[in-house]
Amino acid sequence: MANPMTGEVEVVLDGEIRTAKLTLGALAELEHALQAESLLALVERFEAGRFSARDVIAVLVAGLRGGGWAGRADDLLSADIGGGSLAAARLAAELLARAFRLPE
């Protein structure tokens, strides 16, 4: 079970529940994959609703890899994500929000 207090999100991938988390390594991978000028710029794209499907895939791949998944973006392209594309976008946004949320 994912622990939201540590930034984790549950992703249903091909019917299997996986934990995703944007660790420092995952964030570095994400920054590189999207050639983002900064992670803040990426977060702002999500907040403004200006993200692309490529952004969603990249965030999910980075988060899943941060959670221990050994797959690649190509694997995710052919996978069934529980809830479909809308859920995938929400999960990506939640991963980013949890990665930068300050502890209460």
N, C-alpha and C. Protein backbone atom coordinates (compact mmCIF):
# COMPACT_ATOMS: atom_id res chain seq x y z
N MET A 1 0.83 -1.18 0.00
CA MET A 1 0.00 0.00 0.00
C MET A 1 0.88 1.25 0.00
N ALA A 2 0.52 2.19 -0.84
CA ALA A 2 1.30 3.43 -0.95
C ALA A 2 1.12 4.30 0.28
N ASN A 3 2.20 4.98 0.65
CA ASN A 3 2.19 5.88 1.79
C ASN A 3 2.25 7.32 1.27
N PRO A 4 1.12 8.03 1.24
CA PRO A 4 1.13 9.40 0.71
C PRO A 4 2.03 10.35 1.48
N MET A 5 2.28 10.06 2.75
CA MET A 5 3.14 10.94 3.56
C MET A 5 4.60 10.90 3.09
N THR A 6 4.98 9.83 2.39
CA THR A 6 6.34 9.74 1.87
C THR A 6 6.38 10.00 0.36
N GLY A 7 5.26 10.49 -0.18
CA GLY A 7 5.21 10.84 -1.60
C GLY A 7 4.79 9.72 -2.52
N GLU A 8 4.37 8.60 -1.97
CA GLU A 8 4.01 7.45 -2.79
C GLU A 8 2.59 7.55 -3.34
N VAL A 9 2.40 6.96 -4.53
CA VAL A 9 1.11 6.91 -5.21
C VAL A 9 0.94 5.48 -5.72
N GLU A 10 -0.28 4.94 -5.62
CA GLU A 10 -0.57 3.62 -6.18
C GLU A 10 -0.95 3.76 -7.64
N VAL A 11 -0.34 2.91 -8.47
CA VAL A 11 -0.65 2.87 -9.90
C VAL A 11 -1.04 1.43 -10.23
N VAL A 12 -2.18 1.26 -10.86
CA VAL A 12 -2.59 -0.07 -11.30
C VAL A 12 -2.09 -0.24 -12.73
N LEU A 13 -1.16 -1.15 -12.88
CA LEU A 13 -0.49 -1.37 -14.16
C LEU A 13 -0.72 -2.81 -14.58
N ASP A 14 -1.45 -3.00 -15.67
CA ASP A 14 -1.82 -4.33 -16.14
C ASP A 14 -2.46 -5.16 -15.02
N GLY A 15 -3.32 -4.51 -14.25
CA GLY A 15 -4.06 -5.18 -13.19
C GLY A 15 -3.29 -5.39 -11.90
N GLU A 16 -2.03 -5.00 -11.86
CA GLU A 16 -1.20 -5.16 -10.68
C GLU A 16 -0.96 -3.81 -10.02
N ILE A 17 -1.15 -3.74 -8.71
CA ILE A 17 -0.92 -2.50 -7.98
C ILE A 17 0.57 -2.31 -7.77
N ARG A 18 1.06 -1.16 -8.20
CA ARG A 18 2.48 -0.82 -8.04
C ARG A 18 2.58 0.49 -7.28
N THR A 19 3.68 0.65 -6.59
CA THR A 19 3.95 1.90 -5.88
C THR A 19 4.86 2.76 -6.72
N ALA A 20 4.50 4.02 -6.86
CA ALA A 20 5.32 4.99 -7.58
C ALA A 20 5.74 6.09 -6.62
N LYS A 21 6.95 6.58 -6.80
CA LYS A 21 7.48 7.65 -5.95
C LYS A 21 8.57 8.39 -6.71
N LEU A 22 8.52 9.69 -6.65
CA LEU A 22 9.55 10.49 -7.32
C LEU A 22 10.71 10.73 -6.37
N THR A 23 11.64 9.79 -6.36
CA THR A 23 12.86 9.93 -5.58
C THR A 23 13.77 10.95 -6.28
N LEU A 24 14.85 11.30 -5.64
CA LEU A 24 15.79 12.25 -6.25
C LEU A 24 16.30 11.70 -7.58
N GLY A 25 16.63 10.42 -7.61
CA GLY A 25 17.09 9.80 -8.86
C GLY A 25 16.01 9.81 -9.92
N ALA A 26 14.77 9.54 -9.51
CA ALA A 26 13.64 9.57 -10.45
C ALA A 26 13.41 10.97 -10.98
N LEU A 27 13.56 11.97 -10.12
CA LEU A 27 13.40 13.37 -10.56
C LEU A 27 14.49 13.76 -11.56
N ALA A 28 15.71 13.30 -11.33
CA ALA A 28 16.81 13.58 -12.26
C ALA A 28 16.53 12.91 -13.61
N GLU A 29 16.02 11.68 -13.56
CA GLU A 29 15.67 10.96 -14.79
C GLU A 29 14.56 11.71 -15.54
N LEU A 30 13.59 12.19 -14.79
CA LEU A 30 12.47 12.92 -15.38
C LEU A 30 12.95 14.22 -16.03
N GLU A 31 13.77 14.96 -15.34
CA GLU A 31 14.31 16.21 -15.87
C GLU A 31 15.05 15.97 -17.19
N HIS A 32 15.85 14.89 -17.21
CA HIS A 32 16.61 14.54 -18.41
C HIS A 32 15.67 14.10 -19.54
N ALA A 33 14.72 13.23 -19.21
CA ALA A 33 13.82 12.68 -20.23
C ALA A 33 13.01 13.78 -20.92
N LEU A 34 12.58 14.77 -20.17
CA LEU A 34 11.74 15.83 -20.73
C LEU A 34 12.53 17.06 -21.15
N GLN A 35 13.84 17.01 -20.92
CA GLN A 35 14.69 18.16 -21.23
C GLN A 35 14.05 19.44 -20.70
N ALA A 36 13.54 19.33 -19.49
CA ALA A 36 12.87 20.47 -18.85
C ALA A 36 13.89 21.49 -18.39
N GLU A 37 13.55 22.76 -18.51
CA GLU A 37 14.47 23.79 -18.03
C GLU A 37 14.58 23.75 -16.51
N SER A 38 13.51 23.27 -15.86
CA SER A 38 13.54 23.04 -14.41
C SER A 38 12.35 22.17 -14.04
N LEU A 39 12.44 21.55 -12.88
CA LEU A 39 11.31 20.78 -12.40
C LEU A 39 10.14 21.69 -12.05
N LEU A 40 10.44 22.88 -11.59
CA LEU A 40 9.39 23.84 -11.28
C LEU A 40 8.59 24.17 -12.54
N ALA A 41 9.26 24.31 -13.67
CA ALA A 41 8.57 24.58 -14.92
C ALA A 41 7.64 23.42 -15.29
N LEU A 42 8.07 22.20 -15.02
CA LEU A 42 7.23 21.04 -15.29
C LEU A 42 6.01 21.04 -14.38
N VAL A 43 6.21 21.31 -13.10
CA VAL A 43 5.10 21.38 -12.15
C VAL A 43 4.12 22.47 -12.60
N GLU A 44 4.63 23.60 -13.01
CA GLU A 44 3.77 24.69 -13.46
C GLU A 44 2.96 24.30 -14.68
N ARG A 45 3.55 23.49 -15.59
CA ARG A 45 2.80 23.01 -16.76
C ARG A 45 1.60 22.18 -16.32
N PHE A 46 1.82 21.31 -15.33
CA PHE A 46 0.72 20.49 -14.83
C PHE A 46 -0.34 21.34 -14.15
N GLU A 47 0.10 22.29 -13.33
CA GLU A 47 -0.84 23.15 -12.62
C GLU A 47 -1.69 23.97 -13.58
N ALA A 48 -1.11 24.36 -14.70
CA ALA A 48 -1.82 25.17 -15.68
C ALA A 48 -2.57 24.32 -16.70
N GLY A 49 -2.44 23.00 -16.62
CA GLY A 49 -3.11 22.11 -17.57
C GLY A 49 -2.48 22.12 -18.94
N ARG A 50 -1.20 22.48 -19.03
CA ARG A 50 -0.50 22.56 -20.32
C ARG A 50 0.45 21.39 -20.53
N PHE A 51 0.15 20.26 -19.91
CA PHE A 51 1.03 19.10 -20.03
C PHE A 51 0.62 18.26 -21.23
N SER A 52 1.55 17.45 -21.71
CA SER A 52 1.29 16.58 -22.85
C SER A 52 1.23 15.12 -22.38
N ALA A 53 0.79 14.26 -23.27
CA ALA A 53 0.78 12.83 -22.97
C ALA A 53 2.21 12.36 -22.70
N ARG A 54 3.17 12.92 -23.42
CA ARG A 54 4.58 12.58 -23.20
C ARG A 54 5.01 12.95 -21.78
N ASP A 55 4.54 14.10 -21.28
CA ASP A 55 4.84 14.50 -19.90
C ASP A 55 4.28 13.48 -18.92
N VAL A 56 3.02 13.07 -19.14
CA VAL A 56 2.37 12.11 -18.24
C VAL A 56 3.14 10.80 -18.21
N ILE A 57 3.49 10.29 -19.39
CA ILE A 57 4.24 9.03 -19.47
C ILE A 57 5.58 9.17 -18.74
N ALA A 58 6.28 10.26 -18.99
CA ALA A 58 7.60 10.46 -18.38
C ALA A 58 7.51 10.52 -16.85
N VAL A 59 6.51 11.22 -16.34
CA VAL A 59 6.34 11.31 -14.88
C VAL A 59 6.01 9.94 -14.30
N LEU A 60 5.09 9.22 -14.95
CA LEU A 60 4.73 7.89 -14.46
C LEU A 60 5.91 6.92 -14.51
N VAL A 61 6.65 6.94 -15.59
CA VAL A 61 7.83 6.05 -15.69
C VAL A 61 8.83 6.38 -14.60
N ALA A 62 9.12 7.66 -14.41
CA ALA A 62 10.08 8.05 -13.37
C ALA A 62 9.57 7.63 -11.99
N GLY A 63 8.29 7.86 -11.74
CA GLY A 63 7.72 7.49 -10.45
C GLY A 63 7.72 5.99 -10.22
N LEU A 64 7.33 5.24 -11.23
CA LEU A 64 7.33 3.78 -11.11
C LEU A 64 8.75 3.25 -10.90
N ARG A 65 9.70 3.82 -11.63
CA ARG A 65 11.10 3.40 -11.44
C ARG A 65 11.58 3.77 -10.04
N GLY A 66 11.15 4.92 -9.54
CA GLY A 66 11.49 5.32 -8.17
C GLY A 66 10.88 4.37 -7.15
N GLY A 67 9.80 3.70 -7.54
CA GLY A 67 9.16 2.71 -6.68
C GLY A 67 9.68 1.30 -6.87
N GLY A 68 10.68 1.15 -7.74
CA GLY A 68 11.30 -0.16 -7.91
C GLY A 68 10.97 -0.89 -9.20
N TRP A 69 10.13 -0.32 -10.04
CA TRP A 69 9.77 -0.94 -11.31
C TRP A 69 10.97 -0.89 -12.26
N ALA A 70 11.20 -1.95 -13.01
CA ALA A 70 12.37 -1.99 -13.89
C ALA A 70 12.01 -1.72 -15.35
N GLY A 71 10.79 -1.27 -15.60
CA GLY A 71 10.34 -1.06 -16.98
C GLY A 71 10.86 0.23 -17.58
N ARG A 72 10.47 0.42 -18.85
CA ARG A 72 10.85 1.61 -19.62
C ARG A 72 9.59 2.26 -20.17
N ALA A 73 9.74 3.41 -20.77
CA ALA A 73 8.60 4.13 -21.35
C ALA A 73 7.88 3.26 -22.38
N ASP A 74 8.62 2.53 -23.20
CA ASP A 74 7.99 1.65 -24.19
C ASP A 74 7.08 0.62 -23.54
N ASP A 75 7.47 0.12 -22.37
CA ASP A 75 6.64 -0.84 -21.65
C ASP A 75 5.33 -0.20 -21.19
N LEU A 76 5.41 1.04 -20.78
CA LEU A 76 4.23 1.73 -20.29
C LEU A 76 3.28 2.08 -21.43
N LEU A 77 3.82 2.33 -22.61
CA LEU A 77 2.99 2.67 -23.77
C LEU A 77 2.02 1.54 -24.12
N SER A 78 2.42 0.30 -23.88
CA SER A 78 1.56 -0.83 -24.22
C SER A 78 0.85 -1.41 -23.01
N ALA A 79 1.02 -0.81 -21.85
CA ALA A 79 0.40 -1.32 -20.61
C ALA A 79 -1.00 -0.74 -20.44
N ASP A 80 -1.81 -1.46 -19.68
CA ASP A 80 -3.13 -0.98 -19.30
C ASP A 80 -3.00 -0.28 -17.96
N ILE A 81 -3.25 1.02 -17.95
CA ILE A 81 -3.19 1.79 -16.70
C ILE A 81 -4.61 1.88 -16.16
N GLY A 82 -4.79 1.41 -14.94
CA GLY A 82 -6.11 1.42 -14.32
C GLY A 82 -6.72 2.80 -14.33
N GLY A 83 -7.93 2.92 -14.87
CA GLY A 83 -8.60 4.21 -14.94
C GLY A 83 -8.37 4.93 -16.25
N GLY A 84 -7.47 4.44 -17.08
CA GLY A 84 -7.23 5.03 -18.39
C GLY A 84 -6.38 6.28 -18.37
N SER A 85 -6.46 7.01 -19.46
CA SER A 85 -5.58 8.17 -19.65
C SER A 85 -5.88 9.31 -18.67
N LEU A 86 -7.13 9.51 -18.32
CA LEU A 86 -7.45 10.56 -17.36
C LEU A 86 -6.86 10.23 -15.99
N ALA A 87 -6.98 8.98 -15.57
CA ALA A 87 -6.39 8.57 -14.29
C ALA A 87 -4.87 8.69 -14.34
N ALA A 88 -4.28 8.35 -15.48
CA ALA A 88 -2.82 8.47 -15.62
C ALA A 88 -2.37 9.91 -15.43
N ALA A 89 -3.11 10.86 -16.02
CA ALA A 89 -2.77 12.28 -15.87
C ALA A 89 -2.91 12.71 -14.41
N ARG A 90 -3.97 12.25 -13.75
CA ARG A 90 -4.16 12.60 -12.33
C ARG A 90 -3.05 12.01 -11.46
N LEU A 91 -2.66 10.77 -11.75
CA LEU A 91 -1.59 10.15 -10.98
C LEU A 91 -0.26 10.88 -11.16
N ALA A 92 0.02 11.29 -12.40
CA ALA A 92 1.26 12.03 -12.66
C ALA A 92 1.25 13.35 -11.89
N ALA A 93 0.12 14.05 -11.92
CA ALA A 93 0.02 15.32 -11.18
C ALA A 93 0.17 15.08 -9.68
N GLU A 94 -0.42 14.00 -9.18
CA GLU A 94 -0.32 13.69 -7.75
C GLU A 94 1.12 13.36 -7.37
N LEU A 95 1.82 12.62 -8.22
CA LEU A 95 3.23 12.32 -7.95
C LEU A 95 4.04 13.60 -7.81
N LEU A 96 3.84 14.52 -8.74
CA LEU A 96 4.57 15.79 -8.68
C LEU A 96 4.20 16.58 -7.43
N ALA A 97 2.92 16.63 -7.11
CA ALA A 97 2.48 17.37 -5.93
C ALA A 97 3.07 16.78 -4.66
N ARG A 98 3.06 15.47 -4.56
CA ARG A 98 3.59 14.82 -3.36
C ARG A 98 5.10 14.93 -3.26
N ALA A 99 5.78 14.99 -4.38
CA ALA A 99 7.24 15.09 -4.36
C ALA A 99 7.69 16.43 -3.81
N PHE A 100 6.85 17.46 -3.98
CA PHE A 100 7.25 18.80 -3.56
C PHE A 100 6.42 19.34 -2.41
N ARG A 101 5.63 18.49 -1.79
CA ARG A 101 4.82 18.91 -0.63
C ARG A 101 5.70 18.93 0.61
N LEU A 102 5.61 19.99 1.35
CA LEU A 102 6.36 20.08 2.61
C LEU A 102 5.63 19.30 3.69
N PRO A 103 6.37 18.64 4.58
CA PRO A 103 5.71 17.92 5.68
C PRO A 103 4.92 18.89 6.55
N GLU A 104 3.81 18.41 7.04
CA GLU A 104 2.96 19.26 7.89
C GLU A 104 3.44 19.25 9.31
